[in-house]
Amino acid sequence: MSRQITVKVATNKVIKALEARLATLESDYSTQTAKEAKFGKAQEAWRKEIGAWAIKNFSKAENLRTNYRSWNNTLNVDFDIITKEGNFPAEPEKDFEVIHQHQYREMKEDITNALTILKMTDEETVNASTMKQIAKYL
């Protein structure tokens, strides 16, 4: 059973929170390309490291499979190495959320519109329906 929460929030606090969220959104979006490049380099380094690890441990390989493609003279070798967890290099993880351009535009527009409306109001508190609409950005 879900229960509704009824709270009155001061308009100036909501404005400050939305302004902070907008600044964070713009900062995250502007630095996203650099973060993705850094992550790509970390992934490439990990691929080389895991490849070296696999070659070093090839003697433990099981279930060896090969596939030769004569049309471009490539040989695909696939094998399994049974190992204890944590016995191989850890794959890098993203420490950021990818924001697509359309998502960025939509979020920025919603926050900007909410800020414009809230700055024009004379109400001391934000009503529940408005809070419901902007809560996802706070």
N, C-alpha and C. Protein backbone atom coordinates (compact mmCIF):
# COMPACT_ATOMS: atom_id res chain seq x y z
N MET A 1 0.84 -1.16 0.00
CA MET A 1 0.00 0.00 0.00
C MET A 1 0.89 1.23 0.00
N SER A 2 0.70 2.09 -0.98
CA SER A 2 1.51 3.29 -1.02
C SER A 2 0.75 4.43 -0.35
N ARG A 3 1.48 5.21 0.37
CA ARG A 3 0.89 6.34 1.07
C ARG A 3 1.46 7.62 0.49
N GLN A 4 0.66 8.63 0.47
CA GLN A 4 1.11 9.91 -0.04
C GLN A 4 1.72 10.73 1.08
N ILE A 5 2.71 11.50 0.73
CA ILE A 5 3.36 12.38 1.68
C ILE A 5 2.90 13.80 1.36
N THR A 6 2.43 14.48 2.38
CA THR A 6 2.01 15.86 2.20
C THR A 6 2.97 16.75 2.97
N VAL A 7 3.76 17.50 2.22
CA VAL A 7 4.76 18.38 2.81
C VAL A 7 4.72 19.70 2.05
N LYS A 8 4.88 20.77 2.76
CA LYS A 8 4.97 22.08 2.11
C LYS A 8 6.45 22.46 2.07
N VAL A 9 6.93 22.71 0.87
CA VAL A 9 8.33 23.06 0.67
C VAL A 9 8.41 24.52 0.24
N ALA A 10 9.32 25.24 0.85
CA ALA A 10 9.49 26.66 0.52
C ALA A 10 9.93 26.82 -0.93
N THR A 11 9.33 27.76 -1.62
CA THR A 11 9.61 28.00 -3.03
C THR A 11 11.08 28.33 -3.26
N ASN A 12 11.66 29.15 -2.38
CA ASN A 12 13.07 29.53 -2.59
C ASN A 12 14.00 28.33 -2.45
N LYS A 13 13.66 27.36 -1.59
CA LYS A 13 14.49 26.15 -1.47
C LYS A 13 14.40 25.30 -2.73
N VAL A 14 13.21 25.22 -3.29
CA VAL A 14 13.02 24.45 -4.52
C VAL A 14 13.78 25.11 -5.67
N ILE A 15 13.71 26.43 -5.74
CA ILE A 15 14.44 27.16 -6.79
C ILE A 15 15.94 26.91 -6.67
N LYS A 16 16.47 27.00 -5.47
CA LYS A 16 17.91 26.75 -5.27
C LYS A 16 18.29 25.33 -5.65
N ALA A 17 17.44 24.37 -5.28
CA ALA A 17 17.72 22.97 -5.61
C ALA A 17 17.69 22.74 -7.12
N LEU A 18 16.72 23.34 -7.79
CA LEU A 18 16.63 23.20 -9.25
C LEU A 18 17.80 23.88 -9.95
N GLU A 19 18.21 25.04 -9.46
CA GLU A 19 19.37 25.72 -10.04
C GLU A 19 20.63 24.88 -9.87
N ALA A 20 20.78 24.27 -8.70
CA ALA A 20 21.94 23.40 -8.47
C ALA A 20 21.89 22.18 -9.39
N ARG A 21 20.70 21.62 -9.57
CA ARG A 21 20.55 20.45 -10.45
C ARG A 21 20.85 20.82 -11.90
N LEU A 22 20.40 22.00 -12.33
CA LEU A 22 20.67 22.45 -13.69
C LEU A 22 22.17 22.64 -13.90
N ALA A 23 22.85 23.22 -12.93
CA ALA A 23 24.31 23.40 -13.03
C ALA A 23 25.01 22.05 -13.10
N THR A 24 24.57 21.10 -12.30
CA THR A 24 25.16 19.75 -12.31
C THR A 24 24.92 19.08 -13.65
N LEU A 25 23.70 19.19 -14.17
CA LEU A 25 23.36 18.60 -15.46
C LEU A 25 24.24 19.17 -16.57
N GLU A 26 24.39 20.48 -16.62
CA GLU A 26 25.22 21.12 -17.64
C GLU A 26 26.68 20.72 -17.51
N SER A 27 27.17 20.64 -16.28
CA SER A 27 28.55 20.24 -16.04
C SER A 27 28.79 18.79 -16.47
N ASP A 28 27.88 17.90 -16.07
CA ASP A 28 28.01 16.48 -16.44
C ASP A 28 27.98 16.29 -17.95
N TYR A 29 27.08 17.02 -18.62
CA TYR A 29 26.97 16.88 -20.06
C TYR A 29 28.20 17.44 -20.78
N SER A 30 28.74 18.55 -20.29
CA SER A 30 29.90 19.15 -20.95
C SER A 30 31.18 18.34 -20.74
N THR A 31 31.27 17.61 -19.64
CA THR A 31 32.47 16.80 -19.37
C THR A 31 32.32 15.35 -19.81
N GLN A 32 31.15 15.02 -20.34
CA GLN A 32 30.88 13.63 -20.72
C GLN A 32 31.84 13.09 -21.78
N THR A 33 32.17 13.89 -22.78
CA THR A 33 33.06 13.44 -23.85
C THR A 33 34.43 13.08 -23.29
N ALA A 34 34.95 13.89 -22.41
CA ALA A 34 36.25 13.62 -21.81
C ALA A 34 36.19 12.36 -20.95
N LYS A 35 35.11 12.20 -20.21
CA LYS A 35 34.96 11.01 -19.36
C LYS A 35 34.85 9.74 -20.21
N GLU A 36 34.12 9.82 -21.33
CA GLU A 36 33.99 8.67 -22.22
C GLU A 36 35.34 8.32 -22.85
N ALA A 37 36.13 9.32 -23.22
CA ALA A 37 37.45 9.07 -23.80
C ALA A 37 38.35 8.39 -22.78
N LYS A 38 38.33 8.88 -21.55
CA LYS A 38 39.13 8.28 -20.48
C LYS A 38 38.71 6.83 -20.23
N PHE A 39 37.39 6.59 -20.22
CA PHE A 39 36.88 5.23 -20.03
C PHE A 39 37.28 4.33 -21.20
N GLY A 40 37.23 4.86 -22.42
CA GLY A 40 37.64 4.08 -23.60
C GLY A 40 39.09 3.66 -23.53
N LYS A 41 39.96 4.57 -23.05
CA LYS A 41 41.38 4.24 -22.89
C LYS A 41 41.57 3.18 -21.82
N ALA A 42 40.80 3.28 -20.74
CA ALA A 42 40.89 2.28 -19.66
C ALA A 42 40.42 0.92 -20.16
N GLN A 43 39.37 0.91 -20.98
CA GLN A 43 38.89 -0.36 -21.54
C GLN A 43 39.91 -0.97 -22.49
N GLU A 44 40.52 -0.14 -23.31
CA GLU A 44 41.53 -0.64 -24.25
C GLU A 44 42.72 -1.23 -23.50
N ALA A 45 43.15 -0.56 -22.45
CA ALA A 45 44.25 -1.06 -21.63
C ALA A 45 43.86 -2.39 -20.98
N TRP A 46 42.60 -2.48 -20.53
CA TRP A 46 42.13 -3.73 -19.91
C TRP A 46 42.09 -4.85 -20.94
N ARG A 47 41.65 -4.56 -22.18
CA ARG A 47 41.62 -5.59 -23.22
C ARG A 47 43.03 -6.16 -23.47
N LYS A 48 44.01 -5.28 -23.50
CA LYS A 48 45.39 -5.74 -23.70
C LYS A 48 45.84 -6.57 -22.50
N GLU A 49 45.50 -6.11 -21.31
CA GLU A 49 45.90 -6.81 -20.10
C GLU A 49 45.22 -8.18 -20.00
N ILE A 50 43.93 -8.26 -20.32
CA ILE A 50 43.21 -9.53 -20.24
C ILE A 50 43.69 -10.47 -21.35
N GLY A 51 44.07 -9.90 -22.50
CA GLY A 51 44.62 -10.73 -23.58
C GLY A 51 45.95 -11.34 -23.17
N ALA A 52 46.81 -10.55 -22.55
CA ALA A 52 48.10 -11.05 -22.07
C ALA A 52 47.87 -12.11 -20.99
N TRP A 53 46.89 -11.87 -20.13
CA TRP A 53 46.58 -12.85 -19.08
C TRP A 53 46.09 -14.16 -19.68
N ALA A 54 45.23 -14.07 -20.71
CA ALA A 54 44.69 -15.27 -21.36
C ALA A 54 45.79 -16.06 -22.05
N ILE A 55 46.71 -15.38 -22.71
CA ILE A 55 47.82 -16.06 -23.37
C ILE A 55 48.72 -16.74 -22.35
N LYS A 56 48.97 -16.05 -21.25
CA LYS A 56 49.80 -16.61 -20.18
C LYS A 56 49.16 -17.86 -19.58
N ASN A 57 47.84 -17.89 -19.50
CA ASN A 57 47.12 -19.01 -18.89
C ASN A 57 46.51 -19.95 -19.93
N PHE A 58 47.00 -19.90 -21.18
CA PHE A 58 46.44 -20.73 -22.23
C PHE A 58 46.58 -22.22 -21.94
N SER A 59 47.58 -22.61 -21.16
CA SER A 59 47.76 -24.02 -20.84
C SER A 59 46.57 -24.58 -20.05
N LYS A 60 45.79 -23.71 -19.42
CA LYS A 60 44.61 -24.13 -18.65
C LYS A 60 43.34 -24.12 -19.51
N ALA A 61 43.48 -23.81 -20.80
CA ALA A 61 42.32 -23.66 -21.68
C ALA A 61 41.58 -24.96 -21.87
N GLU A 62 40.26 -24.83 -21.90
CA GLU A 62 39.38 -25.97 -22.16
C GLU A 62 38.40 -25.57 -23.26
N ASN A 63 37.80 -26.57 -23.88
CA ASN A 63 36.76 -26.33 -24.87
C ASN A 63 37.27 -25.40 -25.98
N LEU A 64 38.37 -25.78 -26.59
CA LEU A 64 38.99 -24.99 -27.65
C LEU A 64 38.15 -25.06 -28.93
N ARG A 65 37.84 -23.90 -29.49
CA ARG A 65 37.06 -23.82 -30.73
C ARG A 65 37.78 -22.90 -31.70
N THR A 66 37.77 -23.28 -32.97
CA THR A 66 38.39 -22.44 -33.99
C THR A 66 37.41 -22.23 -35.14
N ASN A 67 37.61 -21.14 -35.82
CA ASN A 67 36.78 -20.82 -36.97
C ASN A 67 37.65 -20.08 -37.97
N TYR A 68 37.92 -20.72 -39.10
CA TYR A 68 38.74 -20.10 -40.14
C TYR A 68 37.84 -19.49 -41.19
N ARG A 69 38.10 -18.22 -41.50
CA ARG A 69 37.35 -17.53 -42.54
C ARG A 69 38.29 -17.31 -43.73
N SER A 70 38.08 -18.11 -44.76
CA SER A 70 38.98 -18.06 -45.91
C SER A 70 38.81 -16.78 -46.73
N TRP A 71 37.66 -16.20 -46.71
CA TRP A 71 37.42 -15.01 -47.53
C TRP A 71 38.28 -13.82 -47.09
N ASN A 72 38.70 -13.79 -45.81
CA ASN A 72 39.60 -12.71 -45.40
C ASN A 72 40.81 -13.23 -44.62
N ASN A 73 41.03 -14.54 -44.71
CA ASN A 73 42.19 -15.19 -44.09
C ASN A 73 42.34 -14.87 -42.60
N THR A 74 41.26 -15.05 -41.85
CA THR A 74 41.34 -14.85 -40.41
C THR A 74 40.96 -16.12 -39.69
N LEU A 75 41.61 -16.33 -38.58
CA LEU A 75 41.33 -17.49 -37.73
C LEU A 75 40.86 -16.97 -36.38
N ASN A 76 39.68 -17.39 -35.99
CA ASN A 76 39.13 -17.03 -34.69
C ASN A 76 39.34 -18.21 -33.74
N VAL A 77 39.99 -17.95 -32.62
CA VAL A 77 40.22 -18.98 -31.63
C VAL A 77 39.45 -18.59 -30.37
N ASP A 78 38.63 -19.51 -29.92
CA ASP A 78 37.80 -19.27 -28.74
C ASP A 78 38.05 -20.40 -27.76
N PHE A 79 38.23 -20.06 -26.49
CA PHE A 79 38.48 -21.08 -25.49
C PHE A 79 38.00 -20.60 -24.14
N ASP A 80 37.85 -21.52 -23.21
CA ASP A 80 37.42 -21.22 -21.85
C ASP A 80 38.55 -21.50 -20.89
N ILE A 81 38.71 -20.63 -19.92
CA ILE A 81 39.67 -20.86 -18.84
C ILE A 81 38.88 -20.82 -17.53
N ILE A 82 38.85 -21.94 -16.85
CA ILE A 82 38.18 -22.01 -15.57
C ILE A 82 39.16 -21.46 -14.53
N THR A 83 38.72 -20.45 -13.80
CA THR A 83 39.61 -19.81 -12.85
C THR A 83 38.82 -19.37 -11.63
N LYS A 84 39.54 -19.09 -10.59
CA LYS A 84 38.90 -18.57 -9.40
C LYS A 84 38.54 -17.11 -9.65
N GLU A 85 37.43 -16.68 -9.05
CA GLU A 85 37.00 -15.28 -9.23
C GLU A 85 38.06 -14.35 -8.66
N GLY A 86 38.32 -13.28 -9.38
CA GLY A 86 39.30 -12.31 -8.94
C GLY A 86 40.72 -12.68 -9.32
N ASN A 87 40.88 -13.76 -10.07
CA ASN A 87 42.20 -14.22 -10.47
C ASN A 87 42.66 -13.57 -11.77
N PHE A 88 41.85 -12.71 -12.34
CA PHE A 88 42.21 -12.05 -13.59
C PHE A 88 41.94 -10.55 -13.46
N PRO A 89 42.49 -9.76 -14.37
CA PRO A 89 42.35 -8.30 -14.28
C PRO A 89 40.88 -7.86 -14.27
N ALA A 90 40.57 -6.92 -13.40
CA ALA A 90 39.19 -6.42 -13.29
C ALA A 90 38.87 -5.46 -14.43
N GLU A 91 37.70 -5.62 -14.99
CA GLU A 91 37.25 -4.75 -16.07
C GLU A 91 36.88 -3.38 -15.50
N PRO A 92 37.27 -2.30 -16.17
CA PRO A 92 36.93 -0.96 -15.67
C PRO A 92 35.42 -0.73 -15.74
N GLU A 93 34.92 0.07 -14.81
CA GLU A 93 33.49 0.39 -14.77
C GLU A 93 33.32 1.89 -14.98
N LYS A 94 32.19 2.24 -15.59
CA LYS A 94 31.89 3.67 -15.79
C LYS A 94 31.54 4.28 -14.45
N ASP A 95 32.10 5.44 -14.18
CA ASP A 95 31.78 6.16 -12.95
C ASP A 95 30.94 7.39 -13.28
N PHE A 96 30.25 7.32 -14.41
CA PHE A 96 29.40 8.42 -14.84
C PHE A 96 28.22 7.85 -15.61
N GLU A 97 27.17 8.64 -15.70
CA GLU A 97 25.99 8.23 -16.44
C GLU A 97 26.00 8.93 -17.79
N VAL A 98 25.75 8.17 -18.84
CA VAL A 98 25.72 8.74 -20.19
C VAL A 98 24.38 9.46 -20.39
N ILE A 99 24.47 10.71 -20.80
CA ILE A 99 23.28 11.52 -21.06
C ILE A 99 23.25 11.80 -22.56
N HIS A 100 22.24 11.27 -23.23
CA HIS A 100 22.12 11.50 -24.66
C HIS A 100 21.61 12.93 -24.92
N GLN A 101 21.89 13.43 -26.09
CA GLN A 101 21.57 14.82 -26.41
C GLN A 101 20.08 15.11 -26.23
N HIS A 102 19.23 14.21 -26.69
CA HIS A 102 17.79 14.46 -26.56
C HIS A 102 17.34 14.45 -25.10
N GLN A 103 17.96 13.58 -24.28
CA GLN A 103 17.65 13.57 -22.85
C GLN A 103 18.10 14.87 -22.20
N TYR A 104 19.29 15.31 -22.56
CA TYR A 104 19.84 16.55 -22.01
C TYR A 104 18.93 17.73 -22.33
N ARG A 105 18.53 17.83 -23.59
CA ARG A 105 17.67 18.94 -24.00
C ARG A 105 16.34 18.92 -23.25
N GLU A 106 15.75 17.73 -23.16
CA GLU A 106 14.46 17.61 -22.48
C GLU A 106 14.57 17.96 -20.99
N MET A 107 15.59 17.44 -20.32
CA MET A 107 15.77 17.72 -18.90
C MET A 107 16.04 19.21 -18.68
N LYS A 108 16.90 19.78 -19.50
CA LYS A 108 17.25 21.19 -19.36
C LYS A 108 16.02 22.07 -19.58
N GLU A 109 15.22 21.73 -20.57
CA GLU A 109 14.01 22.49 -20.85
C GLU A 109 13.01 22.39 -19.69
N ASP A 110 12.82 21.19 -19.16
CA ASP A 110 11.89 21.00 -18.04
C ASP A 110 12.33 21.79 -16.82
N ILE A 111 13.62 21.71 -16.49
CA ILE A 111 14.14 22.42 -15.32
C ILE A 111 14.05 23.93 -15.52
N THR A 112 14.42 24.39 -16.70
CA THR A 112 14.37 25.82 -17.00
C THR A 112 12.94 26.34 -16.93
N ASN A 113 11.99 25.58 -17.48
CA ASN A 113 10.58 26.00 -17.43
C ASN A 113 10.09 26.06 -15.98
N ALA A 114 10.44 25.06 -15.19
CA ALA A 114 10.02 25.05 -13.79
C ALA A 114 10.62 26.24 -13.04
N LEU A 115 11.89 26.53 -13.30
CA LEU A 115 12.53 27.67 -12.65
C LEU A 115 11.85 28.99 -13.04
N THR A 116 11.52 29.13 -14.30
CA THR A 116 10.87 30.35 -14.77
C THR A 116 9.53 30.55 -14.06
N ILE A 117 8.76 29.50 -13.99
CA ILE A 117 7.44 29.58 -13.34
C ILE A 117 7.59 29.85 -11.84
N LEU A 118 8.50 29.13 -11.19
CA LEU A 118 8.67 29.30 -9.75
C LEU A 118 9.19 30.69 -9.38
N LYS A 119 10.02 31.27 -10.24
CA LYS A 119 10.55 32.61 -9.97
C LYS A 119 9.48 33.69 -10.14
N MET A 120 8.43 33.38 -10.87
CA MET A 120 7.36 34.36 -11.10
C MET A 120 6.26 34.28 -10.03
N THR A 121 6.23 33.21 -9.27
CA THR A 121 5.14 33.05 -8.31
C THR A 121 5.35 33.88 -7.04
N ASP A 122 4.24 34.23 -6.42
CA ASP A 122 4.27 34.93 -5.14
C ASP A 122 4.02 33.98 -3.98
N GLU A 123 3.75 32.71 -4.30
CA GLU A 123 3.48 31.70 -3.27
C GLU A 123 4.74 31.41 -2.47
N GLU A 124 4.57 31.22 -1.19
CA GLU A 124 5.71 30.92 -0.31
C GLU A 124 6.11 29.45 -0.37
N THR A 125 5.13 28.60 -0.70
CA THR A 125 5.40 27.16 -0.77
C THR A 125 4.99 26.64 -2.14
N VAL A 126 5.56 25.49 -2.48
CA VAL A 126 5.26 24.85 -3.76
C VAL A 126 4.17 23.82 -3.53
N ASN A 127 3.14 23.83 -4.38
CA ASN A 127 2.04 22.89 -4.19
C ASN A 127 2.43 21.47 -4.60
N ALA A 128 1.63 20.51 -4.19
CA ALA A 128 1.94 19.09 -4.38
C ALA A 128 2.03 18.69 -5.85
N SER A 129 1.15 19.22 -6.69
CA SER A 129 1.18 18.82 -8.10
C SER A 129 2.46 19.31 -8.79
N THR A 130 2.91 20.50 -8.42
CA THR A 130 4.16 21.02 -8.98
C THR A 130 5.34 20.19 -8.49
N MET A 131 5.33 19.88 -7.21
CA MET A 131 6.42 19.06 -6.64
C MET A 131 6.48 17.70 -7.31
N LYS A 132 5.32 17.13 -7.62
CA LYS A 132 5.29 15.82 -8.29
C LYS A 132 5.96 15.89 -9.65
N GLN A 133 5.75 17.00 -10.36
CA GLN A 133 6.32 17.16 -11.69
C GLN A 133 7.83 17.38 -11.67
N ILE A 134 8.33 18.07 -10.65
CA ILE A 134 9.76 18.41 -10.64
C ILE A 134 10.60 17.52 -9.73
N ALA A 135 9.94 16.65 -8.97
CA ALA A 135 10.66 15.81 -7.99
C ALA A 135 11.73 14.95 -8.64
N LYS A 136 11.52 14.51 -9.87
CA LYS A 136 12.51 13.64 -10.53
C LYS A 136 13.83 14.37 -10.79
N TYR A 137 13.82 15.68 -10.76
CA TYR A 137 15.04 16.46 -11.00
C TYR A 137 15.76 16.85 -9.73
N LEU A 138 15.11 16.70 -8.60
CA LEU A 138 15.71 17.11 -7.34
C LEU A 138 16.55 16.02 -6.73
